[in-house]
């Protein structure tokens, strides 16, 4: 019986999580295409908003967890993006932050952490949106932020593991 090296195990585990993130991001993109359909825009057809937001939110969570695995860390059972990002190495945090621009300026690590705190509860809030609505609680979806950070984390991962970029343009934009 052969045993898997630690490096091979980390690569396998990171890949499994990363590809889950990619799948949820692709699902988000498909649902966003549906949102732009003329019949949906004219309110003649439904848009599965909860499903779309949950896919985007879970994609970011899985992306951060995959990056943690590549950092050699076991991701916590955690949905808060700020906590997951905070557990990354300073180098990984800087790599991700350097890939995000807001109003034409690259964000800092601290700026990204604050941005993520605004989005921390997105997955739970939209997964259980019916409960929040019944209690008349407001919920905000920072979609542009979540998708931008997800793309930045994916790019950071692909920089380390080019083999994860199996379909150029799907993840890397190439």
N, C-alpha and C. Protein backbone atom coordinates (compact mmCIF):
# COMPACT_ATOMS: atom_id res chain seq x y z
N UNK A 1 0.85 -1.19 0.00
CA UNK A 1 0.00 0.00 0.00
C UNK A 1 0.89 1.24 0.00
N UNK A 2 0.65 2.14 -0.94
CA UNK A 2 1.42 3.37 -0.99
C UNK A 2 0.66 4.46 -0.26
N UNK A 3 1.40 5.34 0.33
CA UNK A 3 0.78 6.46 1.02
C UNK A 3 1.02 7.73 0.21
N UNK A 4 0.10 8.62 0.31
CA UNK A 4 0.19 9.88 -0.41
C UNK A 4 1.08 10.84 0.36
N UNK A 5 1.96 11.53 -0.35
CA UNK A 5 2.80 12.52 0.31
C UNK A 5 1.93 13.66 0.83
N UNK A 6 2.45 14.37 1.78
CA UNK A 6 1.72 15.51 2.34
C UNK A 6 1.44 16.55 1.25
N UNK A 7 2.41 16.79 0.39
CA UNK A 7 2.24 17.77 -0.69
C UNK A 7 1.13 17.32 -1.65
N UNK A 8 1.11 16.04 -1.98
CA UNK A 8 0.08 15.51 -2.88
C UNK A 8 -1.29 15.59 -2.22
N UNK A 9 -1.36 15.29 -0.93
CA UNK A 9 -2.63 15.36 -0.21
C UNK A 9 -3.15 16.80 -0.17
N UNK A 10 -2.26 17.76 0.11
CA UNK A 10 -2.68 19.17 0.12
C UNK A 10 -3.20 19.60 -1.24
N UNK A 11 -2.50 19.18 -2.30
CA UNK A 11 -2.94 19.52 -3.65
C UNK A 11 -4.29 18.92 -3.98
N UNK A 12 -4.47 17.66 -3.59
CA UNK A 12 -5.76 16.99 -3.84
C UNK A 12 -6.88 17.70 -3.07
N UNK A 13 -6.65 17.94 -1.78
CA UNK A 13 -7.68 18.56 -0.95
C UNK A 13 -8.01 19.97 -1.42
N UNK A 14 -6.97 20.75 -1.75
CA UNK A 14 -7.20 22.11 -2.24
C UNK A 14 -7.97 22.07 -3.56
N UNK A 15 -7.62 21.13 -4.41
CA UNK A 15 -8.31 21.00 -5.70
C UNK A 15 -9.77 20.66 -5.53
N UNK A 16 -10.07 19.74 -4.63
CA UNK A 16 -11.47 19.37 -4.41
C UNK A 16 -12.30 20.57 -3.95
N UNK A 17 -11.75 21.35 -3.06
CA UNK A 17 -12.46 22.53 -2.56
C UNK A 17 -12.53 23.60 -3.65
N UNK A 18 -11.41 23.82 -4.33
CA UNK A 18 -11.34 24.83 -5.39
C UNK A 18 -12.36 24.55 -6.49
N UNK A 19 -12.43 23.30 -6.93
CA UNK A 19 -13.35 22.99 -8.02
C UNK A 19 -14.80 23.12 -7.57
N UNK A 20 -15.06 22.90 -6.28
CA UNK A 20 -16.40 23.19 -5.75
C UNK A 20 -16.69 24.68 -5.85
N UNK A 21 -15.71 25.50 -5.50
CA UNK A 21 -15.88 26.95 -5.60
C UNK A 21 -16.13 27.36 -7.04
N UNK A 22 -15.35 26.80 -7.96
CA UNK A 22 -15.52 27.11 -9.38
C UNK A 22 -16.93 26.74 -9.84
N UNK A 23 -17.41 25.57 -9.43
CA UNK A 23 -18.75 25.14 -9.84
C UNK A 23 -19.84 26.09 -9.35
N UNK A 24 -19.73 26.53 -8.10
CA UNK A 24 -20.73 27.46 -7.57
C UNK A 24 -20.63 28.83 -8.25
N UNK A 25 -19.41 29.24 -8.62
CA UNK A 25 -19.25 30.49 -9.36
C UNK A 25 -19.89 30.38 -10.74
N UNK A 26 -19.68 29.26 -11.40
CA UNK A 26 -20.31 29.07 -12.71
C UNK A 26 -21.83 29.03 -12.60
N UNK A 27 -22.35 28.42 -11.53
CA UNK A 27 -23.80 28.41 -11.30
C UNK A 27 -24.31 29.84 -11.11
N UNK A 28 -23.57 30.65 -10.34
CA UNK A 28 -23.92 32.07 -10.16
C UNK A 28 -23.99 32.76 -11.51
N UNK A 29 -22.97 32.53 -12.36
CA UNK A 29 -22.93 33.19 -13.66
C UNK A 29 -24.11 32.79 -14.53
N UNK A 30 -24.48 31.53 -14.50
CA UNK A 30 -25.65 31.07 -15.26
C UNK A 30 -26.93 31.73 -14.75
N UNK A 31 -27.05 31.81 -13.44
CA UNK A 31 -28.25 32.44 -12.86
C UNK A 31 -28.27 33.93 -13.14
N UNK A 32 -27.12 34.57 -13.19
CA UNK A 32 -27.05 35.99 -13.54
C UNK A 32 -27.46 36.20 -15.00
N UNK A 33 -27.08 35.28 -15.88
CA UNK A 33 -27.54 35.37 -17.27
C UNK A 33 -29.07 35.32 -17.32
N UNK A 34 -29.64 34.44 -16.53
CA UNK A 34 -31.10 34.34 -16.45
C UNK A 34 -31.70 35.66 -15.97
N UNK A 35 -31.03 36.30 -15.01
CA UNK A 35 -31.51 37.56 -14.46
C UNK A 35 -31.59 38.65 -15.54
N UNK A 36 -30.71 38.57 -16.52
CA UNK A 36 -30.67 39.57 -17.60
C UNK A 36 -31.63 39.26 -18.75
N UNK A 37 -32.30 38.11 -18.69
CA UNK A 37 -33.22 37.74 -19.77
C UNK A 37 -34.38 38.73 -19.83
N UNK A 38 -34.82 39.09 -21.05
CA UNK A 38 -35.89 40.08 -21.18
C UNK A 38 -37.16 39.73 -20.40
N UNK A 39 -37.55 38.47 -20.41
CA UNK A 39 -38.78 38.09 -19.70
C UNK A 39 -38.64 38.25 -18.19
N UNK A 40 -37.44 38.03 -17.66
CA UNK A 40 -37.21 38.23 -16.23
C UNK A 40 -37.18 39.73 -15.92
N UNK A 41 -36.50 40.50 -16.76
CA UNK A 41 -36.42 41.95 -16.55
C UNK A 41 -37.81 42.60 -16.60
N UNK A 42 -38.69 42.02 -17.40
CA UNK A 42 -40.05 42.55 -17.53
C UNK A 42 -41.00 41.93 -16.51
N UNK A 43 -40.47 41.15 -15.58
CA UNK A 43 -41.27 40.50 -14.52
C UNK A 43 -42.32 39.54 -15.08
N UNK A 44 -42.01 38.92 -16.22
CA UNK A 44 -42.90 37.92 -16.78
C UNK A 44 -42.39 36.51 -16.49
N UNK A 45 -41.23 36.42 -15.84
CA UNK A 45 -40.64 35.11 -15.50
C UNK A 45 -39.84 35.28 -14.21
N UNK A 46 -39.72 34.23 -13.44
CA UNK A 46 -39.01 34.34 -12.16
C UNK A 46 -37.49 34.32 -12.33
N UNK A 47 -36.84 34.90 -11.35
CA UNK A 47 -35.39 34.81 -11.24
C UNK A 47 -35.10 34.18 -9.88
N UNK A 48 -34.37 33.08 -9.84
CA UNK A 48 -34.09 32.41 -8.56
C UNK A 48 -32.99 33.14 -7.78
N UNK A 49 -33.35 34.31 -7.25
CA UNK A 49 -32.40 35.18 -6.57
C UNK A 49 -31.71 34.48 -5.40
N UNK A 50 -32.46 33.79 -4.57
CA UNK A 50 -31.86 33.14 -3.40
C UNK A 50 -30.81 32.13 -3.83
N UNK A 51 -31.12 31.37 -4.87
CA UNK A 51 -30.16 30.38 -5.36
C UNK A 51 -28.92 31.07 -5.92
N UNK A 52 -29.11 32.15 -6.65
CA UNK A 52 -27.98 32.87 -7.23
C UNK A 52 -27.06 33.42 -6.15
N UNK A 53 -27.63 34.10 -5.18
CA UNK A 53 -26.84 34.71 -4.11
C UNK A 53 -26.14 33.63 -3.29
N UNK A 54 -26.84 32.55 -2.99
CA UNK A 54 -26.24 31.47 -2.21
C UNK A 54 -25.07 30.85 -2.97
N UNK A 55 -25.20 30.70 -4.28
CA UNK A 55 -24.09 30.17 -5.08
C UNK A 55 -22.88 31.11 -5.04
N UNK A 56 -23.12 32.40 -5.20
CA UNK A 56 -22.01 33.36 -5.16
C UNK A 56 -21.34 33.34 -3.79
N UNK A 57 -22.15 33.34 -2.75
CA UNK A 57 -21.62 33.38 -1.39
C UNK A 57 -20.82 32.12 -1.07
N UNK A 58 -21.34 30.97 -1.43
CA UNK A 58 -20.66 29.72 -1.13
C UNK A 58 -19.39 29.58 -1.97
N UNK A 59 -19.40 30.12 -3.18
CA UNK A 59 -18.20 30.09 -4.02
C UNK A 59 -17.04 30.82 -3.33
N UNK A 60 -17.33 31.99 -2.76
CA UNK A 60 -16.28 32.73 -2.07
C UNK A 60 -15.79 31.96 -0.85
N UNK A 61 -16.70 31.41 -0.08
CA UNK A 61 -16.30 30.65 1.10
C UNK A 61 -15.37 29.49 0.71
N UNK A 62 -15.75 28.74 -0.30
CA UNK A 62 -14.93 27.61 -0.72
C UNK A 62 -13.59 28.06 -1.30
N UNK A 63 -13.58 29.18 -2.01
CA UNK A 63 -12.32 29.70 -2.56
C UNK A 63 -11.35 30.03 -1.42
N UNK A 64 -11.84 30.71 -0.40
CA UNK A 64 -10.98 31.04 0.74
C UNK A 64 -10.49 29.78 1.45
N UNK A 65 -11.35 28.79 1.56
CA UNK A 65 -10.95 27.53 2.21
C UNK A 65 -9.91 26.79 1.37
N UNK A 66 -10.05 26.81 0.05
CA UNK A 66 -9.04 26.19 -0.81
C UNK A 66 -7.70 26.89 -0.65
N UNK A 67 -7.73 28.22 -0.56
CA UNK A 67 -6.47 28.98 -0.39
C UNK A 67 -5.85 28.68 0.96
N UNK A 68 -6.67 28.48 1.98
CA UNK A 68 -6.16 28.09 3.30
C UNK A 68 -5.45 26.73 3.22
N UNK A 69 -6.05 25.79 2.50
CA UNK A 69 -5.43 24.47 2.36
C UNK A 69 -4.07 24.61 1.68
N UNK A 70 -3.98 25.45 0.65
CA UNK A 70 -2.69 25.67 -0.01
C UNK A 70 -1.69 26.36 0.90
N UNK A 71 -2.18 27.05 1.91
CA UNK A 71 -1.32 27.65 2.94
C UNK A 71 -0.88 26.60 3.97
N UNK A 72 -1.39 25.37 3.82
CA UNK A 72 -1.05 24.31 4.76
C UNK A 72 -1.89 24.33 6.03
N UNK A 73 -3.05 24.99 5.95
CA UNK A 73 -3.91 25.11 7.13
C UNK A 73 -5.21 24.36 6.92
N UNK A 74 -5.76 23.85 7.98
CA UNK A 74 -7.06 23.19 7.94
C UNK A 74 -8.13 24.27 8.13
N UNK A 75 -8.98 24.49 7.13
CA UNK A 75 -10.00 25.53 7.28
C UNK A 75 -10.99 25.19 8.39
N UNK A 76 -11.36 26.21 9.13
CA UNK A 76 -12.36 26.05 10.19
C UNK A 76 -13.73 25.85 9.57
N UNK A 77 -14.62 25.24 10.31
CA UNK A 77 -16.02 25.14 9.87
C UNK A 77 -16.63 26.51 10.14
N UNK A 78 -16.51 27.37 9.18
CA UNK A 78 -16.75 28.79 9.35
C UNK A 78 -17.34 29.34 8.06
N UNK A 79 -18.33 30.22 8.16
CA UNK A 79 -18.90 30.87 6.98
C UNK A 79 -18.43 32.31 6.84
N UNK A 80 -17.87 32.89 7.89
CA UNK A 80 -17.49 34.31 7.84
C UNK A 80 -16.22 34.49 7.01
N UNK A 81 -16.36 35.24 5.93
CA UNK A 81 -15.23 35.47 5.04
C UNK A 81 -14.08 36.17 5.75
N UNK A 82 -14.40 37.11 6.62
CA UNK A 82 -13.34 37.86 7.31
C UNK A 82 -12.49 36.93 8.18
N UNK A 83 -13.12 35.96 8.83
CA UNK A 83 -12.37 35.01 9.66
C UNK A 83 -11.51 34.10 8.79
N UNK A 84 -12.06 33.65 7.68
CA UNK A 84 -11.28 32.78 6.78
C UNK A 84 -10.11 33.55 6.18
N UNK A 85 -10.37 34.77 5.72
CA UNK A 85 -9.30 35.60 5.16
C UNK A 85 -8.25 35.90 6.23
N UNK A 86 -8.68 36.20 7.46
CA UNK A 86 -7.76 36.50 8.55
C UNK A 86 -6.86 35.33 8.92
N UNK A 87 -7.30 34.11 8.61
CA UNK A 87 -6.49 32.93 8.92
C UNK A 87 -5.42 32.65 7.86
N UNK A 88 -5.49 33.34 6.73
CA UNK A 88 -4.48 33.16 5.69
C UNK A 88 -3.15 33.77 6.10
N UNK A 89 -2.09 33.30 5.49
CA UNK A 89 -0.78 33.88 5.73
C UNK A 89 -0.77 35.33 5.23
N UNK A 90 0.08 36.17 5.80
CA UNK A 90 0.16 37.56 5.31
C UNK A 90 0.48 37.63 3.81
N UNK A 91 1.28 36.70 3.32
CA UNK A 91 1.62 36.69 1.89
C UNK A 91 0.38 36.40 1.04
N UNK A 92 -0.42 35.43 1.47
CA UNK A 92 -1.65 35.11 0.74
C UNK A 92 -2.63 36.27 0.80
N UNK A 93 -2.76 36.90 1.96
CA UNK A 93 -3.65 38.06 2.09
C UNK A 93 -3.23 39.17 1.13
N UNK A 94 -1.93 39.44 1.08
CA UNK A 94 -1.42 40.50 0.21
C UNK A 94 -1.63 40.15 -1.26
N UNK A 95 -1.41 38.90 -1.61
CA UNK A 95 -1.59 38.47 -3.00
C UNK A 95 -3.04 38.68 -3.43
N UNK A 96 -3.98 38.32 -2.58
CA UNK A 96 -5.39 38.47 -2.90
C UNK A 96 -5.77 39.95 -2.95
N UNK A 97 -5.39 40.71 -1.93
CA UNK A 97 -5.74 42.14 -1.88
C UNK A 97 -5.18 42.89 -3.09
N UNK A 98 -3.99 42.52 -3.53
CA UNK A 98 -3.36 43.23 -4.65
C UNK A 98 -4.11 43.02 -5.97
N UNK A 99 -4.99 42.06 -6.01
CA UNK A 99 -5.73 41.74 -7.23
C UNK A 99 -7.10 42.43 -7.29
N UNK A 100 -7.45 43.22 -6.27
CA UNK A 100 -8.77 43.83 -6.20
C UNK A 100 -8.63 45.34 -6.28
N UNK A 101 -9.42 45.94 -7.16
CA UNK A 101 -9.44 47.39 -7.27
C UNK A 101 -10.85 47.89 -7.00
N UNK A 102 -10.92 48.94 -6.22
CA UNK A 102 -12.18 49.63 -5.96
C UNK A 102 -11.95 51.09 -6.29
N UNK A 103 -12.80 51.60 -7.17
CA UNK A 103 -12.68 52.98 -7.63
C UNK A 103 -11.28 53.27 -8.16
N UNK A 104 -10.72 52.29 -8.90
CA UNK A 104 -9.43 52.47 -9.54
C UNK A 104 -8.21 52.32 -8.64
N UNK A 105 -8.43 51.96 -7.38
CA UNK A 105 -7.30 51.82 -6.46
C UNK A 105 -7.28 50.41 -5.88
N UNK A 106 -6.07 49.86 -5.76
CA UNK A 106 -5.92 48.54 -5.16
C UNK A 106 -6.25 48.63 -3.69
N UNK A 107 -6.96 47.64 -3.17
CA UNK A 107 -7.31 47.65 -1.76
C UNK A 107 -6.14 47.16 -0.92
N UNK A 108 -6.13 47.57 0.33
CA UNK A 108 -5.14 47.09 1.29
C UNK A 108 -5.69 45.82 1.95
N UNK A 109 -4.85 45.15 2.67
CA UNK A 109 -5.31 43.98 3.43
C UNK A 109 -6.39 44.40 4.42
N UNK A 110 -6.15 45.49 5.15
CA UNK A 110 -7.16 45.97 6.11
C UNK A 110 -8.44 46.38 5.41
N UNK A 111 -8.32 47.03 4.25
CA UNK A 111 -9.49 47.42 3.50
C UNK A 111 -10.29 46.22 3.02
N UNK A 112 -9.59 45.19 2.60
CA UNK A 112 -10.28 43.98 2.16
C UNK A 112 -10.95 43.28 3.33
N UNK A 113 -10.29 43.28 4.47
CA UNK A 113 -10.88 42.67 5.66
C UNK A 113 -12.19 43.37 6.04
N UNK A 114 -12.21 44.70 5.97
CA UNK A 114 -13.43 45.45 6.27
C UNK A 114 -14.52 45.16 5.24
N UNK A 115 -14.13 45.10 3.97
CA UNK A 115 -15.07 44.78 2.91
C UNK A 115 -15.69 43.40 3.16
N UNK A 116 -14.86 42.43 3.55
CA UNK A 116 -15.36 41.08 3.82
C UNK A 116 -16.28 41.04 5.03
N UNK A 117 -15.99 41.86 6.03
CA UNK A 117 -16.87 41.91 7.22
C UNK A 117 -18.28 42.34 6.82
N UNK A 118 -18.39 43.25 5.86
CA UNK A 118 -19.72 43.69 5.38
C UNK A 118 -20.50 42.52 4.77
N UNK A 119 -19.78 41.55 4.25
CA UNK A 119 -20.40 40.43 3.52
C UNK A 119 -20.47 39.15 4.35
N UNK A 120 -19.95 39.17 5.57
CA UNK A 120 -19.76 37.96 6.36
C UNK A 120 -20.96 37.02 6.45
N UNK A 121 -22.13 37.54 6.58
CA UNK A 121 -23.28 36.68 6.85
C UNK A 121 -24.13 36.39 5.61
N UNK A 122 -23.60 36.71 4.45
CA UNK A 122 -24.37 36.56 3.21
C UNK A 122 -24.88 35.14 3.02
N UNK A 123 -24.02 34.15 3.20
CA UNK A 123 -24.42 32.77 2.96
C UNK A 123 -25.59 32.37 3.86
N UNK A 124 -25.48 32.65 5.15
CA UNK A 124 -26.57 32.29 6.07
C UNK A 124 -27.82 33.11 5.81
N UNK A 125 -27.65 34.41 5.59
CA UNK A 125 -28.80 35.28 5.42
C UNK A 125 -29.64 34.91 4.20
N UNK A 126 -28.99 34.57 3.12
CA UNK A 126 -29.75 34.26 1.91
C UNK A 126 -30.18 32.81 1.85
N UNK A 127 -29.46 31.95 2.50
CA UNK A 127 -29.87 30.54 2.56
C UNK A 127 -31.17 30.43 3.36
N UNK A 128 -31.31 31.28 4.36
CA UNK A 128 -32.52 31.28 5.19
C UNK A 128 -33.28 32.59 5.05
N UNK A 129 -33.32 33.12 3.86
CA UNK A 129 -33.94 34.42 3.62
C UNK A 129 -35.41 34.44 4.02
N UNK A 130 -36.11 33.36 3.81
CA UNK A 130 -37.53 33.31 4.17
C UNK A 130 -37.74 33.61 5.65
N UNK A 131 -36.84 33.16 6.50
CA UNK A 131 -36.95 33.44 7.93
C UNK A 131 -36.71 34.92 8.22
N UNK A 132 -35.73 35.49 7.57
CA UNK A 132 -35.43 36.91 7.77
C UNK A 132 -36.59 37.78 7.29
N UNK A 133 -37.14 37.44 6.15
CA UNK A 133 -38.26 38.22 5.61
C UNK A 133 -39.48 38.12 6.51
N UNK A 134 -39.72 36.94 7.06
CA UNK A 134 -40.85 36.78 7.98
C UNK A 134 -40.70 37.65 9.22
N UNK A 135 -39.45 37.90 9.64
CA UNK A 135 -39.18 38.75 10.80
C UNK A 135 -38.98 40.22 10.40
N UNK A 136 -39.18 40.51 9.12
CA UNK A 136 -39.01 41.86 8.57
C UNK A 136 -37.59 42.39 8.75
N UNK A 137 -36.61 41.51 8.67
CA UNK A 137 -35.20 41.90 8.77
C UNK A 137 -34.65 42.20 7.38
N UNK A 138 -33.86 43.25 7.31
CA UNK A 138 -33.27 43.61 6.02
C UNK A 138 -32.05 42.74 5.75
N UNK A 139 -31.78 42.57 4.48
CA UNK A 139 -30.63 41.79 4.04
C UNK A 139 -30.04 42.48 2.83
N UNK A 140 -28.73 42.57 2.81
CA UNK A 140 -28.04 43.22 1.70
C UNK A 140 -27.11 42.23 1.04
N UNK A 141 -27.10 42.25 -0.28
CA UNK A 141 -26.19 41.41 -1.05
C UNK A 141 -25.18 42.30 -1.74
N UNK A 142 -23.92 42.15 -1.38
CA UNK A 142 -22.83 42.90 -1.99
C UNK A 142 -22.22 42.04 -3.10
N UNK A 143 -23.01 41.83 -4.14
CA UNK A 143 -22.63 40.90 -5.20
C UNK A 143 -21.33 41.26 -5.90
N UNK A 144 -21.16 42.52 -6.26
CA UNK A 144 -19.94 42.92 -6.96
C UNK A 144 -18.71 42.64 -6.11
N UNK A 145 -18.81 42.90 -4.81
CA UNK A 145 -17.68 42.65 -3.91
C UNK A 145 -17.38 41.16 -3.82
N UNK A 146 -18.42 40.37 -3.60
CA UNK A 146 -18.23 38.93 -3.43
C UNK A 146 -17.62 38.32 -4.68
N UNK A 147 -18.12 38.70 -5.84
CA UNK A 147 -17.60 38.13 -7.09
C UNK A 147 -16.18 38.61 -7.34
N UNK A 148 -15.89 39.89 -7.09
CA UNK A 148 -14.52 40.40 -7.28
C UNK A 148 -13.52 39.68 -6.39
N UNK A 149 -13.89 39.47 -5.13
CA UNK A 149 -12.98 38.79 -4.21
C UNK A 149 -12.84 37.32 -4.61
N UNK A 150 -13.92 36.70 -5.02
CA UNK A 150 -13.83 35.30 -5.47
C UNK A 150 -12.87 35.18 -6.64
N UNK A 151 -12.98 36.07 -7.61
CA UNK A 151 -12.05 36.04 -8.75
C UNK A 151 -10.61 36.26 -8.30
N UNK A 152 -10.40 37.15 -7.34
CA UNK A 152 -9.05 37.41 -6.84
C UNK A 152 -8.48 36.19 -6.13
N UNK A 153 -9.30 35.52 -5.33
CA UNK A 153 -8.83 34.32 -4.63
C UNK A 153 -8.54 33.22 -5.65
N UNK A 154 -9.42 33.06 -6.64
CA UNK A 154 -9.16 32.06 -7.68
C UNK A 154 -7.84 32.35 -8.40
N UNK A 155 -7.59 33.60 -8.73
CA UNK A 155 -6.35 33.96 -9.42
C UNK A 155 -5.14 33.66 -8.53
N UNK A 156 -5.26 33.92 -7.25
CA UNK A 156 -4.18 33.62 -6.31
C UNK A 156 -3.91 32.12 -6.26
N UNK A 157 -4.97 31.34 -6.29
CA UNK A 157 -4.83 29.88 -6.27
C UNK A 157 -4.19 29.38 -7.56
N UNK A 158 -4.67 29.88 -8.69
CA UNK A 158 -4.14 29.43 -9.98
C UNK A 158 -2.67 29.84 -10.14
N UNK A 159 -2.28 30.94 -9.53
CA UNK A 159 -0.86 31.33 -9.56
C UNK A 159 -0.01 30.25 -8.91
N UNK A 160 -0.52 29.65 -7.84
CA UNK A 160 0.21 28.58 -7.15
C UNK A 160 0.02 27.22 -7.82
N UNK A 161 -1.14 27.02 -8.39
CA UNK A 161 -1.49 25.72 -8.98
C UNK A 161 -2.06 25.93 -10.38
N UNK A 162 -1.19 26.13 -11.35
CA UNK A 162 -1.63 26.36 -12.72
C UNK A 162 -2.46 25.19 -13.24
N UNK A 163 -2.24 24.00 -12.70
CA UNK A 163 -3.00 22.83 -13.13
C UNK A 163 -4.48 22.93 -12.77
N UNK A 164 -4.84 23.84 -11.89
CA UNK A 164 -6.25 24.04 -11.54
C UNK A 164 -6.99 24.85 -12.61
N UNK A 165 -6.26 25.50 -13.49
CA UNK A 165 -6.85 26.34 -14.53
C UNK A 165 -7.02 25.51 -15.80
N UNK A 166 -7.91 24.52 -15.73
CA UNK A 166 -8.06 23.58 -16.83
C UNK A 166 -8.73 24.16 -18.06
N UNK A 167 -9.52 25.20 -17.89
CA UNK A 167 -10.23 25.80 -19.01
C UNK A 167 -9.89 27.29 -19.02
N UNK A 168 -8.82 27.67 -19.72
CA UNK A 168 -8.44 29.10 -19.74
C UNK A 168 -9.63 29.97 -20.09
N UNK A 169 -9.78 31.03 -19.34
CA UNK A 169 -10.89 31.94 -19.50
C UNK A 169 -12.00 31.70 -18.52
N UNK A 170 -12.14 30.47 -18.02
CA UNK A 170 -13.19 30.19 -17.04
C UNK A 170 -12.77 30.73 -15.68
N UNK A 171 -11.53 30.52 -15.29
CA UNK A 171 -11.04 31.02 -14.02
C UNK A 171 -10.09 32.20 -14.23
N UNK A 172 -9.10 32.04 -15.07
CA UNK A 172 -8.05 33.04 -15.17
C UNK A 172 -8.40 34.21 -16.07
N UNK A 173 -9.45 34.10 -16.84
CA UNK A 173 -9.79 35.18 -17.76
C UNK A 173 -8.90 35.16 -18.99
N UNK A 174 -8.03 34.15 -19.11
CA UNK A 174 -7.06 34.08 -20.22
C UNK A 174 -7.68 33.56 -21.42
